[in-house]
PDB file of N, CA and C in Angstrom:
ATOM      1  N   MET A   1       0.844  -1.192  -0.072  1.00  0.00           N
ATOM      2  CA  MET A   1      -0.010  -0.105  -0.042  1.00  0.00           C
ATOM      3  C   MET A   1       0.902   1.204  -0.036  1.00  0.00           C
ATOM      4  N   ARG A   2       0.552   2.136  -0.856  1.00  0.00           N
ATOM      5  CA  ARG A   2       1.455   3.385  -1.013  1.00  0.00           C
ATOM      6  C   ARG A   2       0.971   4.419  -0.060  1.00  0.00           C
ATOM      7  N   PRO A   3       1.876   5.351   0.522  1.00  0.00           N
ATOM      8  CA  PRO A   3       1.459   6.395   1.219  1.00  0.00           C
ATOM      9  C   PRO A   3       0.589   7.467   0.319  1.00  0.00           C
ATOM     10  N   PRO A   4      -0.272   8.189   0.873  1.00  0.00           N
ATOM     11  CA  PRO A   4      -0.972   9.213   0.046  1.00  0.00           C
ATOM     12  C   PRO A   4      -0.285  10.340  -0.131  1.00  0.00           C
ATOM     13  N   TYR A   5       0.618  10.386  -1.084  1.00  0.00           N
ATOM     14  CA  TYR A   5       1.452  11.552  -1.351  1.00  0.00           C
ATOM     15  C   TYR A   5       0.839  12.914  -1.649  1.00  0.00           C
ATOM     16  N   ALA A   6      -0.298  12.724  -2.250  1.00  0.00           N
ATOM     17  CA  ALA A   6      -1.034  13.995  -2.652  1.00  0.00           C
ATOM     18  C   ALA A   6      -1.579  14.685  -1.223  1.00  0.00           C
ATOM     19  N   MET A   7      -2.072  13.790  -0.372  1.00  0.00           N
ATOM     20  CA  MET A   7      -2.596  14.229   0.860  1.00  0.00           C
ATOM     21  C   MET A   7      -1.337  14.789   1.715  1.00  0.00           C
ATOM     22  N   LEU A   8      -0.175  14.206   1.668  1.00  0.00           N
ATOM     23  CA  LEU A   8       0.931  14.579   2.510  1.00  0.00           C
ATOM     24  C   LEU A   8       1.387  15.946   1.839  1.00  0.00           C
ATOM     25  N   HIS A   9       1.454  15.968   0.575  1.00  0.00           N
ATOM     26  CA  HIS A   9       1.912  17.282  -0.081  1.00  0.00           C
ATOM     27  C   HIS A   9       1.021  18.346   0.259  1.00  0.00           C
ATOM     28  N   TRP A  10      -0.343  18.187   0.203  1.00  0.00           N
ATOM     29  CA  TRP A  10      -1.348  19.222   0.602  1.00  0.00           C
ATOM     30  C   TRP A  10      -1.124  19.739   1.988  1.00  0.00           C
ATOM     31  N   ILE A  11      -1.032  18.742   3.005  1.00  0.00           N
ATOM     32  CA  ILE A  11      -0.823  19.128   4.382  1.00  0.00           C
ATOM     33  C   ILE A  11       0.465  19.864   4.651  1.00  0.00           C
ATOM     34  N   SER A  12       1.658  19.478   4.030  1.00  0.00           N
ATOM     35  CA  SER A  12       2.864  20.135   4.261  1.00  0.00           C
ATOM     36  C   SER A  12       2.683  21.513   3.617  1.00  0.00           C
ATOM     37  N   LEU A  13       2.020  21.777   2.463  1.00  0.00           N
ATOM     38  CA  LEU A  13       1.768  23.126   1.964  1.00  0.00           C
ATOM     39  C   LEU A  13       0.978  23.866   2.895  1.00  0.00           C
ATOM     40  N   LEU A  14      -0.109  23.330   3.383  1.00  0.00           N
ATOM     41  CA  LEU A  14      -0.968  24.041   4.375  1.00  0.00           C
ATOM     42  C   LEU A  14      -0.084  24.576   5.587  1.00  0.00           C
ATOM     43  N   LEU A  15       0.657  23.581   6.229  1.00  0.00           N
ATOM     44  CA  LEU A  15       1.611  23.859   7.262  1.00  0.00           C
ATOM     45  C   LEU A  15       2.555  24.990   7.066  1.00  0.00           C
ATOM     46  N   PHE A  16       3.025  25.043   5.800  1.00  0.00           N
ATOM     47  CA  PHE A  16       3.955  26.063   5.353  1.00  0.00           C
ATOM     48  C   PHE A  16       3.321  27.358   5.366  1.00  0.00           C
ATOM     49  N   ARG A  17       2.053  27.305   4.704  1.00  0.00           N
ATOM     50  CA  ARG A  17       1.439  28.704   4.614  1.00  0.00           C
ATOM     51  C   ARG A  17       0.948  29.148   5.967  1.00  0.00           C
ATOM     52  N   ILE A  18       0.641  28.297   6.899  1.00  0.00           N
ATOM     53  CA  ILE A  18       0.271  28.809   8.333  1.00  0.00           C
ATOM     54  C   ILE A  18       1.618  29.368   8.984  1.00  0.00           C
ATOM     55  N   GLY A  19       2.573  28.657   8.821  1.00  0.00           N
ATOM     56  CA  GLY A  19       3.855  29.047   9.448  1.00  0.00           C
ATOM     57  C   GLY A  19       4.355  30.369   8.833  1.00  0.00           C
ATOM     58  N   GLU A  20       4.219  30.485   7.349  1.00  0.00           N
ATOM     59  CA  GLU A  20       4.507  31.706   6.781  1.00  0.00           C
ATOM     60  C   GLU A  20       3.640  32.953   7.362  1.00  0.00           C
ATOM     61  N   TYR A  21       2.366  32.679   7.500  1.00  0.00           N
ATOM     62  CA  TYR A  21       1.562  33.800   8.117  1.00  0.00           C
ATOM     63  C   TYR A  21       1.877  34.141   9.539  1.00  0.00           C
ATOM     64  N   ILE A  22       2.165  33.040  10.350  1.00  0.00           N
ATOM     65  CA  ILE A  22       2.451  33.389  11.771  1.00  0.00           C
ATOM     66  C   ILE A  22       3.942  33.946  11.920  1.00  0.00           C
ATOM     67  N   LEU A  23       4.871  33.459  11.130  1.00  0.00           N
ATOM     68  CA  LEU A  23       6.278  34.029  11.360  1.00  0.00           C
ATOM     69  C   LEU A  23       6.779  35.015  10.459  1.00  0.00           C
ATOM     70  N   LEU A  24       6.429  34.945   9.007  1.00  0.00           N
ATOM     71  CA  LEU A  24       6.967  35.879   8.198  1.00  0.00           C
ATOM     72  C   LEU A  24       6.319  37.180   8.093  1.00  0.00           C
ATOM     73  N   GLU A  25       4.986  37.285   8.359  1.00  0.00           N
ATOM     74  CA  GLU A  25       4.197  38.591   8.339  1.00  0.00           C
ATOM     75  C   GLU A  25       4.715  39.456   9.439  1.00  0.00           C
ATOM     76  N   PRO A  26       4.823  39.072  10.647  1.00  0.00           N
ATOM     77  CA  PRO A  26       5.104  40.083  11.725  1.00  0.00           C
ATOM     78  C   PRO A  26       6.643  40.479  11.470  1.00  0.00           C
ATOM     79  N   ILE A  27       7.521  39.570  10.962  1.00  0.00           N
ATOM     80  CA  ILE A  27       8.926  40.041  10.700  1.00  0.00           C
ATOM     81  C   ILE A  27       8.948  40.965   9.625  1.00  0.00           C
ATOM     82  N   LEU A  28       8.112  40.907   8.521  1.00  0.00           N
ATOM     83  CA  LEU A  28       8.263  41.878   7.449  1.00  0.00           C
ATOM     84  C   LEU A  28       7.586  43.160   7.893  1.00  0.00           C
ATOM     85  N   ARG A  29       6.534  43.112   8.803  1.00  0.00           N
ATOM     86  CA  ARG A  29       5.881  44.295   9.198  1.00  0.00           C
ATOM     87  C   ARG A  29       6.842  45.128  10.116  1.00  0.00           C
ATOM     88  N   SER A  30       7.667  44.258  11.065  1.00  0.00           N
ATOM     89  CA  SER A  30       8.510  45.026  12.005  1.00  0.00           C
ATOM     90  C   SER A  30       9.689  45.547  11.190  1.00  0.00           C
ATOM     91  N   ILE A  31      10.080  45.047  10.189  1.00  0.00           N
ATOM     92  CA  ILE A  31      11.092  45.598   9.366  1.00  0.00           C
ATOM     93  C   ILE A  31      10.610  46.937   8.578  1.00  0.00           C
ATOM     94  N   LYS A  32       9.418  46.827   8.081  1.00  0.00           N
ATOM     95  CA  LYS A  32       8.880  48.048   7.605  1.00  0.00           C
ATOM     96  C   LYS A  32       8.732  49.173   8.585  1.00  0.00           C
ATOM     97  N   ARG A  33       8.269  48.830   9.725  1.00  0.00           N
ATOM     98  CA  ARG A  33       8.132  49.896  10.781  1.00  0.00           C
ATOM     99  C   ARG A  33       9.382  50.350  11.258  1.00  0.00           C
ATOM    100  N   LEU A  34      10.488  49.561  11.229  1.00  0.00           N
ATOM    101  CA  LEU A  34      11.824  49.976  11.690  1.00  0.00           C
ATOM    102  C   LEU A  34      12.355  50.984  10.455  1.00  0.00           C
ATOM    103  N   LYS A  35      12.156  50.662   9.270  1.00  0.00           N
ATOM    104  CA  LYS A  35      12.545  51.544   8.062  1.00  0.00           C
ATOM    105  C   LYS A  35      11.802  52.897   8.243  1.00  0.00           C
ATOM    106  N   MET A  36      10.522  52.895   8.446  1.00  0.00           N
ATOM    107  CA  MET A  36       9.771  54.177   8.775  1.00  0.00           C
ATOM    108  C   MET A  36      10.328  54.905   9.842  1.00  0.00           C
ATOM    109  N   TRP A  37      10.757  54.236  10.995  1.00  0.00           N
ATOM    110  CA  TRP A  37      11.232  54.994  12.147  1.00  0.00           C
ATOM    111  C   TRP A  37      12.556  55.520  11.790  1.00  0.00           C
ATOM    112  N   TRP A  38      13.488  54.866  11.090  1.00  0.00           N
ATOM    113  CA  TRP A  38      14.820  55.286  10.724  1.00  0.00           C
ATOM    114  C   TRP A  38      14.719  56.568   9.780  1.00  0.00           C
ATOM    115  N   ASN A  39      13.783  56.500   8.921  1.00  0.00           N
ATOM    116  CA  ASN A  39      13.595  57.780   7.968  1.00  0.00           C
ATOM    117  C   ASN A  39      13.062  58.965   8.860  1.00  0.00           C
ATOM    118  N   THR A  40      12.413  58.826   9.784  1.00  0.00           N
ATOM    119  CA  THR A  40      11.965  59.874  10.574  1.00  0.00           C
ATOM    120  C   THR A  40      13.129  60.540  11.377  1.00  0.00           C
ATOM    121  N   LEU A  41      14.067  59.730  11.624  1.00  0.00           N
ATOM    122  CA  LEU A  41      15.399  60.169  12.353  1.00  0.00           C
ATOM    123  C   LEU A  41      16.231  61.055  11.457  1.00  0.00           C
ATOM    124  N   LEU A  42      16.306  60.698  10.120  1.00  0.00           N
ATOM    125  CA  LEU A  42      17.173  61.362   9.221  1.00  0.00           C
ATOM    126  C   LEU A  42      16.489  62.754   8.658  1.00  0.00           C
ATOM    127  N   PRO A  43      17.211  63.723   8.422  1.00  0.00           N
ATOM    128  CA  PRO A  43      16.630  64.899   7.912  1.00  0.00           C
ATOM    129  C   PRO A  43      16.338  64.717   6.408  1.00  0.00           C
ATOM    130  N   PRO A  44      15.343  65.514   5.859  1.00  0.00           N
ATOM    131  CA  PRO A  44      14.970  65.227   4.524  1.00  0.00           C
ATOM    132  C   PRO A  44      16.082  65.715   3.489  1.00  0.00           C
ATOM    133  N   ARG A  45      16.040  64.937   2.414  1.00  0.00           N
ATOM    134  CA  ARG A  45      17.219  65.208   1.523  1.00  0.00           C
ATOM    135  C   ARG A  45      16.863  66.297   0.565  1.00  0.00           C
ATOM    136  N   THR A  46      17.758  67.274   0.413  1.00  0.00           N
ATOM    137  CA  THR A  46      17.627  68.372  -0.491  1.00  0.00           C
ATOM    138  C   THR A  46      18.677  68.456  -1.440  1.00  0.00           C
ATOM    139  N   LYS A  47      18.441  69.012  -2.533  1.00  0.00           N
ATOM    140  CA  LYS A  47      19.611  69.202  -3.684  1.00  0.00           C
ATOM    141  C   LYS A  47      20.231  70.466  -3.282  1.00  0.00           C
ATOM    142  N   GLY A  48      21.347  70.438  -2.566  1.00  0.00           N
ATOM    143  CA  GLY A  48      22.161  71.458  -1.961  1.00  0.00           C
ATOM    144  C   GLY A  48      22.933  72.020  -2.895  1.00  0.00           C
TER     145      GLY A  48
END
């Protein structure tokens, strides 16, 4: 009897997407927030 490869593939993809949402989204959001904070510290660029 063969293992259900299609089911295993679907479950692994589902777990990957859930992990991506739980781990990757907050990391990207915090990086974006950090860049915005860093830009507020720097003075605006002018063509001097």
